[in-house]
């Protein structure tokens, strides 16, 4: 079928007409008249031709996608993502897909991405490479907001092909995930390192050929009480008091992302400080700030 479309282009385009038949003719047609071919072809074939053309322009084959929804929003433009690799970021929130996992400790990465998308008016409306993806700008920097839909332990199966397709280097990928070694609502920004016992982060590092130079924003969820199995603990939801604290934490996390986009990761770490959890176990960070203001 593609041969017939290449032949059709050849009737109207002299460069294609001079090309030999077969693979050479198809290649020339794809090179000089991709828009013409995609107008002639049925929608399913046109999408494939367009995808191959974009991949060839980048000098390599792009990853497959189980489903890709084209946005009708005129602002949804891929042009900023064709810039040099160092000028764009991928911000990945880790979690498990499905309504039963909403609000659980293991899904703080998803929650952080949702808030950031809301504040920055970025629509998470595309499924690509086993991930929910949104494209936009933060502080003038092109960003991809990513929520892998592979389940936590296979997060790298989504992050790695997306980074390859959009040409985002590992040290421009910010991974937001839960950390049992931090108190609830505490945060830590680290430029690189091992997985720290986090299986989602471990899978991402493995998929990047053990490259540990991947920045991350860790959100504390606390240690499981008593002898509770950590696997069961991370799937529990926050208490009402913890929920107030973790919501403040998401706000701080969004501020941290904006600081990284405006100043770079290294400078952001030196400027940004994670809020410490209140010593009063009944007080939220917001309430503690109000009490401090009254004293002043």
Protein backbone atom coordinates (compact mmCIF):
# COMPACT_ATOMS: atom_id res chain seq x y z
CA UNK A 1 0.00 0.00 0.00
CA UNK A 2 2.84 2.41 0.83
CA UNK A 3 4.31 1.74 -2.64
CA UNK A 4 1.09 2.95 -4.24
CA UNK A 5 1.19 6.18 -2.25
CA UNK A 6 4.85 6.73 -3.14
CA UNK A 7 3.91 6.23 -6.80
CA UNK A 8 1.08 8.73 -6.44
CA UNK A 9 3.44 11.32 -5.05
CA UNK A 10 5.81 10.63 -7.94
CA UNK A 11 3.19 11.77 -10.45
CA UNK A 12 3.22 15.25 -8.93
CA UNK A 13 6.69 15.63 -7.44
CA UNK A 14 9.67 15.58 -9.86
CA UNK A 15 12.23 14.51 -7.26
CA UNK A 16 10.21 11.45 -6.36
CA UNK A 17 9.53 10.70 -10.03
CA UNK A 18 13.29 10.58 -10.76
CA UNK A 19 13.88 8.15 -7.87
CA UNK A 20 14.04 4.44 -8.49
CA UNK A 21 11.12 2.30 -7.53
CA UNK A 22 10.90 0.26 -4.35
CA UNK A 23 12.64 1.26 -1.12
CA UNK A 24 14.48 4.21 -2.68
CA UNK A 25 11.25 5.66 -4.01
CA UNK A 26 9.55 5.27 -0.64
CA UNK A 27 12.48 6.87 1.17
CA UNK A 28 12.55 9.80 -1.23
CA UNK A 29 8.80 10.23 -0.92
CA UNK A 30 9.00 10.24 2.86
CA UNK A 31 11.83 12.75 2.72
CA UNK A 32 10.43 15.32 0.31
CA UNK A 33 6.67 15.03 0.66
CA UNK A 34 5.58 13.59 4.02
CA UNK A 35 2.64 15.97 4.33
CA UNK A 36 1.40 15.03 0.85
CA UNK A 37 1.57 11.30 1.63
CA UNK A 38 -0.22 11.66 4.94
CA UNK A 39 -3.05 13.54 3.21
CA UNK A 40 -3.45 10.74 0.70
CA UNK A 41 -3.21 7.86 3.15
CA UNK A 42 -5.97 6.53 5.43
CA UNK A 43 -5.71 7.83 9.03
CA UNK A 44 -4.07 4.71 10.50
CA UNK A 45 -1.41 4.56 7.79
CA UNK A 46 -0.93 8.33 7.81
CA UNK A 47 -0.09 8.23 11.52
CA UNK A 48 2.53 5.54 10.92
CA UNK A 49 4.10 7.47 8.02
CA UNK A 50 4.19 10.66 10.09
CA UNK A 51 5.75 8.81 13.03
CA UNK A 52 8.44 7.20 10.87
CA UNK A 53 9.20 10.58 9.28
CA UNK A 54 9.68 12.22 12.69
CA UNK A 55 11.86 9.34 13.87
CA UNK A 56 14.01 9.50 10.73
CA UNK A 57 14.43 13.24 11.24
CA UNK A 58 15.92 12.49 14.65
CA UNK A 59 18.23 9.89 13.20
CA UNK A 60 16.67 6.90 15.00
CA UNK A 61 13.51 4.92 15.45
CA UNK A 62 11.05 6.17 18.06
CA UNK A 63 9.48 3.83 20.63
CA UNK A 64 6.11 2.25 20.10
CA UNK A 65 3.05 3.49 21.96
CA UNK A 66 0.04 1.46 22.95
CA UNK A 67 -2.18 4.50 22.41
CA UNK A 68 -1.57 8.14 21.55
CA UNK A 69 -4.34 10.68 21.74
CA UNK A 70 -3.81 13.74 19.56
CA UNK A 71 -4.78 16.94 21.35
CA UNK A 72 -6.92 19.55 19.62
CA UNK A 73 -5.36 22.25 21.78
CA UNK A 74 -3.34 24.62 19.55
CA UNK A 75 -0.93 25.17 22.44
CA UNK A 76 -0.02 21.47 22.42
CA UNK A 77 2.99 21.94 20.16
CA UNK A 78 5.95 19.57 20.03
CA UNK A 79 8.28 22.24 18.64
CA UNK A 80 9.87 23.17 22.02
CA UNK A 81 10.72 19.50 22.55
CA UNK A 82 12.90 19.45 19.42
CA UNK A 83 15.40 21.79 21.06
CA UNK A 84 18.83 20.59 22.28
CA UNK A 85 18.69 17.93 24.96
CA UNK A 86 19.84 20.14 27.84
CA UNK A 87 17.02 22.67 27.36
CA UNK A 88 14.10 20.48 28.39
CA UNK A 89 13.10 18.46 31.44
CA UNK A 90 11.05 15.37 32.16
CA UNK A 91 9.33 15.43 35.54
CA UNK A 92 8.22 11.95 36.57
CA UNK A 93 5.91 11.16 39.47
CA UNK A 94 5.91 7.52 40.54
CA UNK A 95 2.84 5.62 41.69
CA UNK A 96 0.37 2.88 40.88
CA UNK A 97 -2.51 3.44 38.42
CA UNK A 98 -6.09 2.80 39.47
CA UNK A 99 -8.62 4.37 41.80
CA UNK A 100 -7.84 2.03 44.70
CA UNK A 101 -4.34 3.49 44.97
CA UNK A 102 -5.39 7.15 45.03
CA UNK A 103 -4.23 8.83 48.24
CA UNK A 104 -1.93 6.02 49.32
CA UNK A 105 1.59 6.63 50.60
CA UNK A 106 3.16 4.95 47.58
CA UNK A 107 1.37 7.38 45.23
CA UNK A 108 2.77 10.69 46.48
CA UNK A 109 4.61 11.07 43.16
CA UNK A 110 1.33 10.93 41.24
CA UNK A 111 -0.30 13.42 43.62
CA UNK A 112 2.62 15.84 43.28
CA UNK A 113 2.40 15.72 39.48
CA UNK A 114 -1.36 16.29 39.57
CA UNK A 115 -0.96 19.45 41.65
CA UNK A 116 1.90 20.73 39.47
CA UNK A 117 -0.16 20.12 36.31
CA UNK A 118 -3.11 21.98 37.81
CA UNK A 119 -1.02 24.97 38.89
CA UNK A 120 0.83 25.21 35.57
CA UNK A 121 -2.25 24.51 33.41
CA UNK A 122 -0.65 21.46 31.78
CA UNK A 123 -3.09 18.84 30.54
CA UNK A 124 -2.21 15.21 31.22
CA UNK A 125 -4.15 14.01 28.20
CA UNK A 126 -1.85 11.71 26.22
CA UNK A 127 -0.98 8.03 26.67
CA UNK A 128 2.48 7.38 25.28
CA UNK A 129 5.03 4.66 26.03
CA UNK A 130 2.89 3.22 28.83
CA UNK A 131 2.63 6.59 30.60
CA UNK A 132 0.19 9.45 31.04
CA UNK A 133 1.97 12.49 29.61
CA UNK A 134 1.42 16.24 29.59
CA UNK A 135 3.48 18.81 27.67
CA UNK A 136 3.94 22.40 28.69
CA UNK A 137 6.26 25.13 29.90
CA UNK A 138 7.41 25.90 33.45
CA UNK A 139 9.47 29.05 34.02
CA UNK A 140 10.06 29.20 30.26
CA UNK A 141 11.45 25.65 30.12
CA UNK A 142 9.77 22.90 28.03
CA UNK A 143 8.68 20.10 30.35
CA UNK A 144 7.08 16.70 30.11
CA UNK A 145 4.96 15.72 33.11
CA UNK A 146 4.89 11.94 33.32
CA UNK A 147 2.88 9.41 35.34
CA UNK A 148 3.96 5.86 34.39
CA UNK A 149 1.01 3.48 34.09
CA UNK A 150 3.10 0.32 34.39
CA UNK A 151 2.74 -0.10 38.16
CA UNK A 152 5.51 1.03 40.44
CA UNK A 153 8.07 -1.74 40.03
CA UNK A 154 8.17 -1.37 36.22
CA UNK A 155 8.34 2.43 36.06
CA UNK A 156 11.50 2.31 33.96
CA UNK A 157 9.57 0.60 31.14
CA UNK A 158 7.79 3.92 30.60
CA UNK A 159 10.45 6.45 31.58
CA UNK A 160 13.32 5.08 29.49
CA UNK A 161 11.58 4.98 26.06
CA UNK A 162 10.02 8.41 26.66
CA UNK A 163 13.43 9.89 27.43
CA UNK A 164 14.83 8.24 24.31
CA UNK A 165 12.03 9.52 22.09
CA UNK A 166 12.14 13.12 23.34
CA UNK A 167 15.93 13.10 23.71
CA UNK A 168 15.97 14.01 27.39
CA UNK A 169 19.23 13.07 29.07
CA UNK A 170 19.15 11.32 32.48
CA UNK A 171 20.35 14.32 34.48
CA UNK A 172 17.37 16.31 33.14
CA UNK A 173 14.87 13.79 34.48
CA UNK A 174 13.44 14.67 37.89
CA UNK A 175 11.82 11.68 39.61
CA UNK A 176 9.38 12.38 42.47
CA UNK A 177 8.78 9.40 44.73
CA UNK A 178 7.98 8.29 48.29
CA UNK A 179 10.68 7.62 50.86
CA UNK A 180 10.13 5.64 54.06
CA UNK A 181 13.43 6.91 55.46
CA UNK A 182 12.01 10.45 55.76
CA UNK A 183 9.36 11.66 58.19
CA UNK A 184 5.92 12.29 56.77
CA UNK A 185 5.89 15.48 54.67
CA UNK A 186 9.67 15.95 54.83
CA UNK A 187 11.38 16.35 51.46
CA UNK A 188 14.87 15.89 50.12
CA UNK A 189 16.38 16.86 46.77
CA UNK A 190 19.26 14.69 45.60
CA UNK A 191 21.16 14.99 42.29
CA UNK A 192 22.06 11.31 41.97
CA UNK A 193 22.51 8.06 43.85
CA UNK A 194 21.17 4.56 44.27
CA UNK A 195 17.51 3.55 44.57
CA UNK A 196 17.52 3.78 48.36
CA UNK A 197 15.36 0.69 48.65
CA UNK A 198 12.72 2.04 46.26
CA UNK A 199 11.78 -0.55 43.63
CA UNK A 200 10.41 1.97 41.14
CA UNK A 201 13.61 3.98 41.24
CA UNK A 202 15.64 0.78 41.00
CA UNK A 203 13.85 -0.21 37.79
CA UNK A 204 14.43 3.24 36.28
CA UNK A 205 18.16 3.05 37.04
CA UNK A 206 18.34 -0.43 35.52
CA UNK A 207 16.60 0.70 32.34
CA UNK A 208 19.14 3.51 32.00
CA UNK A 209 21.95 0.95 32.08
CA UNK A 210 22.69 1.51 35.78
CA UNK A 211 23.09 5.26 35.29
CA UNK A 212 22.55 6.76 38.76
CA UNK A 213 22.89 10.40 37.67
CA UNK A 214 19.14 10.95 37.80
CA UNK A 215 17.90 13.79 40.04
CA UNK A 216 15.04 13.08 42.38
CA UNK A 217 12.70 14.73 44.86
CA UNK A 218 11.96 12.39 47.73
CA UNK A 219 8.79 12.84 49.77
CA UNK A 220 8.72 11.33 53.24
CA UNK A 221 5.97 8.89 54.19
CA UNK A 222 7.43 7.69 57.51
CA UNK A 223 8.28 4.22 58.74
CA UNK A 224 5.67 1.49 59.25
CA UNK A 225 4.59 1.13 62.86
CA UNK A 226 5.69 -1.88 64.86
CA UNK A 227 6.19 -5.03 62.82
CA UNK A 228 3.93 -4.00 59.92
CA UNK A 229 5.07 -5.24 56.52
CA UNK A 230 6.46 -2.27 54.53
CA UNK A 231 4.66 -3.56 51.42
CA UNK A 232 1.33 -3.22 53.23
CA UNK A 233 2.29 0.11 54.78
CA UNK A 234 3.01 1.92 51.51
CA UNK A 235 -0.44 0.96 50.21
CA UNK A 236 -2.18 2.56 53.19
CA UNK A 237 -3.68 6.02 53.05
CA UNK A 238 -2.51 8.91 55.19
CA UNK A 239 -4.24 9.75 58.45
CA UNK A 240 -6.29 12.94 58.58
CA UNK A 241 -3.48 14.81 60.33
CA UNK A 242 -0.87 13.48 57.92
CA UNK A 243 -3.05 14.45 54.96
CA UNK A 244 -2.91 18.11 56.03
CA UNK A 245 0.87 17.93 56.21
CA UNK A 246 1.32 16.07 52.94
CA UNK A 247 -0.86 18.59 51.08
CA UNK A 248 1.48 21.36 52.25
CA UNK A 249 4.36 19.17 51.12
CA UNK A 250 2.94 18.96 47.58
CA UNK A 251 2.76 22.75 47.45
CA UNK A 252 6.39 22.97 48.52
CA UNK A 253 7.31 20.32 45.96
CA UNK A 254 5.72 22.34 43.16
CA UNK A 255 7.71 25.39 44.31
CA UNK A 256 10.87 23.28 44.25
CA UNK A 257 10.21 22.19 40.66
CA UNK A 258 9.72 25.78 39.56
CA UNK A 259 12.98 26.73 41.26
CA UNK A 260 14.80 23.91 39.46
CA UNK A 261 13.41 25.05 36.12
CA UNK A 262 14.40 28.69 36.70
CA UNK A 263 17.80 28.24 38.38
CA UNK A 264 18.94 24.69 37.59
CA UNK A 265 19.13 21.75 39.97
CA UNK A 266 22.41 22.56 41.73
CA UNK A 267 21.45 26.17 42.43
CA UNK A 268 17.97 25.12 43.50
CA UNK A 269 19.32 22.72 46.11
CA UNK A 270 21.36 25.48 47.74
CA UNK A 271 18.38 27.86 47.83
CA UNK A 272 15.60 25.50 48.73
CA UNK A 273 15.02 24.00 52.17
CA UNK A 274 12.58 21.23 53.05
CA UNK A 275 10.16 22.08 55.88
CA UNK A 276 10.85 20.08 59.00
CA UNK A 277 7.98 18.16 60.53
CA UNK A 278 6.51 19.86 63.58
CA UNK A 279 7.67 18.62 66.98
CA UNK A 280 4.06 18.85 68.14
CA UNK A 281 2.48 15.63 66.78
CA UNK A 282 -0.96 17.26 66.73
CA UNK A 283 0.08 20.32 64.72
CA UNK A 284 0.30 20.68 60.94
CA UNK A 285 3.02 22.77 59.24
CA UNK A 286 0.38 25.39 58.41
CA UNK A 287 -0.79 25.62 62.03
CA UNK A 288 2.79 25.84 63.26
CA UNK A 289 3.46 28.76 60.92
CA UNK A 290 0.37 30.55 62.20
CA UNK A 291 1.47 30.09 65.81
CA UNK A 292 4.94 31.42 64.98
CA UNK A 293 3.40 34.50 63.31
CA UNK A 294 1.32 35.23 66.41
CA UNK A 295 4.38 35.08 68.66
CA UNK A 296 6.22 37.50 66.40
